[in-house]
Amino acid sequence: MNQFGLVEAALSNPNNRAILDRLPELGAPDAWLVSGAIFQTVWNSITGRPPTHGIKDYDIFYFDRDPSWEAEDAVIRRADALFADLGIEVEVRNQGRVHIWYQEKFGTEYPTLTKATDGIDRFLCDCAMIGMRHSREYTYGVYAPKGHADIADMIVRPNRMPNFHPDRYQEKAARWKAVWPEISILPP
């Protein structure tokens, strides 16, 4: 699957299209629709399932140098209003503040990031390492540091970064396997 086919498949999900179309209105710097909303929609396209099948939530990463909870909360509230009519869970996170709460939540340190795509680079598996946004009118930018072969081939492969969590990887992979039995899961 080439990048054009991936974008076309991702846009078959009306929620993805709506989020991407409205994302500039959110007013969040360096904003991307990321991970499952994209790769799981592609899996649905490959397997002939409805585009929204099995998608738990729609994640948006952005990067703001203001690491305060108040600034992030303001963006979350704007997103809640902007996407309310879609009837889906949209989760918005400032990648500029993940290092503040990550260790308490997951037990390992997390580096200070400098852009939203740094957060994409740290996903637990390669197929999740993808983001989309409008790059110009009627075109989309895709960030996929490991490419998109694993998405097209439905392979879940661990991203062995310093804060890799094998248990979380296996938990996510098991959930996905229950929804998309066609996937192949590589050991952590």
Protein backbone atom coordinates (compact mmCIF):
# COMPACT_ATOMS: atom_id res chain seq x y z
CA MET A 1 0.00 0.00 0.00
CA ASN A 2 1.47 3.35 -1.00
CA GLN A 3 0.93 6.58 0.91
CA PHE A 4 -1.94 7.64 -1.37
CA GLY A 5 -3.76 4.36 -0.65
CA LEU A 6 -3.16 4.77 3.06
CA VAL A 7 -4.57 8.32 3.06
CA GLU A 8 -7.55 7.23 0.98
CA ALA A 9 -8.28 4.34 3.36
CA ALA A 10 -7.87 6.56 6.45
CA LEU A 11 -10.27 9.13 4.98
CA SER A 12 -12.91 6.45 4.40
CA ASN A 13 -13.64 6.86 8.11
CA PRO A 14 -15.99 9.89 8.30
CA ASN A 15 -14.74 10.67 11.82
CA ASN A 16 -11.14 10.93 10.60
CA ARG A 17 -12.19 13.18 7.74
CA ALA A 18 -14.20 15.44 10.07
CA ILE A 19 -11.39 15.66 12.62
CA LEU A 20 -8.79 16.43 9.97
CA ASP A 21 -11.03 19.04 8.35
CA ARG A 22 -11.68 20.75 11.71
CA LEU A 23 -8.22 20.34 13.23
CA PRO A 24 -7.00 23.82 12.17
CA GLU A 25 -10.02 25.32 13.98
CA LEU A 26 -8.81 23.77 17.24
CA GLY A 27 -6.03 26.34 17.35
CA ALA A 28 -3.54 23.86 18.82
CA PRO A 29 0.01 24.20 17.48
CA ASP A 30 1.61 21.28 15.62
CA ALA A 31 -1.60 19.20 15.81
CA TRP A 32 -1.93 15.69 14.36
CA LEU A 33 -4.56 12.96 14.31
CA VAL A 34 -2.55 9.92 15.39
CA SER A 35 -2.33 6.17 15.83
CA GLY A 36 -5.39 3.89 16.03
CA ALA A 37 -7.79 6.23 14.28
CA ILE A 38 -5.58 5.87 11.22
CA PHE A 39 -4.06 2.38 11.28
CA GLN A 40 -7.23 0.69 12.54
CA THR A 41 -9.29 2.38 9.82
CA VAL A 42 -6.79 1.02 7.29
CA TRP A 43 -7.13 -2.45 8.83
CA ASN A 44 -10.90 -2.12 8.47
CA SER A 45 -10.47 -1.19 4.81
CA ILE A 46 -8.18 -4.18 4.19
CA THR A 47 -10.53 -6.63 5.93
CA GLY A 48 -13.77 -5.23 4.50
CA ARG A 49 -15.15 -4.04 7.82
CA PRO A 50 -16.99 -0.73 8.36
CA PRO A 51 -14.45 2.12 8.64
CA THR A 52 -15.15 2.84 12.33
CA HIS A 53 -15.22 -0.81 13.47
CA GLY A 54 -13.32 -1.40 16.73
CA ILE A 55 -11.90 2.11 17.08
CA LYS A 56 -11.98 2.96 20.78
CA ASP A 57 -11.01 6.63 20.52
CA TYR A 58 -9.48 9.25 18.29
CA ASP A 59 -6.19 10.69 19.55
CA ILE A 60 -4.91 14.15 18.73
CA PHE A 61 -1.36 15.13 19.63
CA TYR A 62 -0.18 18.71 19.58
CA PHE A 63 2.84 20.53 20.91
CA ASP A 64 2.68 23.66 23.02
CA ARG A 65 5.66 24.94 25.00
CA ASP A 66 3.27 25.92 27.80
CA PRO A 67 3.28 22.73 29.91
CA SER A 68 0.56 23.87 32.30
CA TRP A 69 -2.51 21.75 32.90
CA GLU A 70 -4.65 24.87 32.44
CA ALA A 71 -3.39 25.43 28.90
CA GLU A 72 -3.95 21.79 27.93
CA ASP A 73 -7.35 21.75 29.58
CA ALA A 74 -8.39 24.78 27.51
CA VAL A 75 -7.51 22.88 24.31
CA ILE A 76 -9.34 19.77 25.57
CA ARG A 77 -12.47 21.84 26.23
CA ARG A 78 -12.26 23.42 22.77
CA ALA A 79 -11.90 19.95 21.25
CA ASP A 80 -14.89 18.67 23.21
CA ALA A 81 -17.01 21.47 21.72
CA LEU A 82 -15.52 21.20 18.22
CA PHE A 83 -16.07 17.45 17.90
CA ALA A 84 -19.17 17.00 20.11
CA ASP A 85 -21.51 16.31 17.19
CA LEU A 86 -19.43 13.31 16.08
CA GLY A 87 -20.47 11.21 19.07
CA ILE A 88 -17.00 9.72 19.52
CA GLU A 89 -14.30 9.92 22.16
CA VAL A 90 -11.58 12.36 21.12
CA GLU A 91 -8.52 12.43 23.36
CA VAL A 92 -6.24 15.46 23.07
CA ARG A 93 -2.75 15.59 24.61
CA ASN A 94 -0.05 18.24 24.62
CA GLN A 95 3.20 16.41 23.97
CA GLY A 96 4.97 19.33 25.62
CA ARG A 97 3.81 18.16 29.04
CA VAL A 98 3.88 14.33 28.89
CA HIS A 99 7.20 14.24 30.77
CA ILE A 100 5.45 15.86 33.75
CA TRP A 101 2.97 13.04 34.43
CA TYR A 102 4.36 9.97 32.62
CA GLN A 103 6.62 8.59 35.35
CA GLU A 104 3.89 8.74 37.98
CA LYS A 105 1.43 6.97 35.68
CA PHE A 106 3.72 4.36 34.07
CA GLY A 107 6.72 4.09 36.41
CA THR A 108 9.46 5.10 33.96
CA GLU A 109 10.99 8.40 32.96
CA TYR A 110 9.92 10.15 29.79
CA PRO A 111 12.07 12.70 27.98
CA THR A 112 11.04 16.28 27.41
CA LEU A 113 9.78 16.42 23.82
CA THR A 114 10.23 19.26 21.34
CA LYS A 115 7.43 18.58 18.83
CA ALA A 116 4.27 16.52 18.49
CA THR A 117 5.90 13.94 16.23
CA ASP A 118 8.34 13.09 19.04
CA GLY A 119 5.31 11.59 20.81
CA ILE A 120 4.40 9.56 17.73
CA ASP A 121 7.96 8.18 17.71
CA ARG A 122 7.39 6.77 21.21
CA PHE A 123 4.29 4.63 20.57
CA LEU A 124 4.56 1.02 21.74
CA CYS A 125 4.43 -0.52 18.27
CA ASP A 126 5.53 0.45 14.79
CA CYS A 127 2.08 0.28 13.20
CA ALA A 128 0.82 2.88 15.70
CA MET A 129 3.59 5.32 14.76
CA ILE A 130 1.54 7.36 12.32
CA GLY A 131 -0.01 10.81 12.22
CA MET A 132 -1.98 12.82 9.67
CA ARG A 133 -2.89 16.46 9.22
CA HIS A 134 -3.72 18.87 6.43
CA SER A 135 -0.53 20.04 4.80
CA ARG A 136 -2.21 22.21 2.16
CA GLU A 137 -5.77 22.63 0.99
CA TYR A 138 -7.04 19.24 -0.22
CA THR A 139 -3.79 17.45 0.66
CA TYR A 140 -2.66 15.65 3.77
CA GLY A 141 0.68 15.32 5.46
CA VAL A 142 1.54 11.89 6.81
CA TYR A 143 4.19 11.26 9.43
CA ALA A 144 5.21 7.59 9.63
CA PRO A 145 8.82 7.25 10.85
CA LYS A 146 8.79 3.45 10.39
CA GLY A 147 6.82 3.60 7.14
CA HIS A 148 3.46 1.95 6.69
CA ALA A 149 4.33 -1.59 5.62
CA ASP A 150 3.34 -3.00 9.02
CA ILE A 151 -0.03 -1.27 8.75
CA ALA A 152 -0.65 -2.69 5.28
CA ASP A 153 0.61 -6.14 6.31
CA MET A 154 -1.36 -6.00 9.60
CA ILE A 155 1.74 -6.66 11.72
CA VAL A 156 2.03 -5.51 15.32
CA ARG A 157 5.75 -5.08 16.00
CA PRO A 158 7.23 -3.67 19.23
CA ASN A 159 8.89 -0.25 19.12
CA ARG A 160 11.84 -0.92 21.39
CA MET A 161 12.35 2.54 22.81
CA PRO A 162 13.83 3.26 26.24
CA ASN A 163 10.40 3.41 27.94
CA PHE A 164 8.97 0.30 26.24
CA HIS A 165 6.43 -1.55 28.43
CA PRO A 166 6.06 -5.22 27.37
CA ASP A 167 2.93 -5.70 29.49
CA ARG A 168 1.17 -2.68 27.95
CA TYR A 169 2.26 -3.82 24.48
CA GLN A 170 0.78 -7.29 25.05
CA GLU A 171 -2.42 -5.84 26.51
CA LYS A 172 -2.98 -3.57 23.50
CA ALA A 173 -2.06 -6.30 21.02
CA ALA A 174 -4.49 -8.74 22.66
CA ARG A 175 -7.32 -6.20 22.47
CA TRP A 176 -6.58 -5.57 18.80
CA LYS A 177 -6.35 -9.31 18.04
CA ALA A 178 -9.87 -9.77 19.47
CA VAL A 179 -11.18 -7.10 17.06
CA TRP A 180 -8.95 -7.87 14.04
CA PRO A 181 -8.07 -11.59 14.24
CA GLU A 182 -6.12 -11.27 10.97
CA ILE A 183 -3.27 -9.33 12.61
CA SER A 184 0.10 -10.92 13.33
CA ILE A 185 1.63 -10.00 16.68
CA LEU A 186 5.39 -10.19 17.14
CA PRO A 187 6.68 -10.97 20.65
CA PRO A 188 7.73 -8.10 22.87
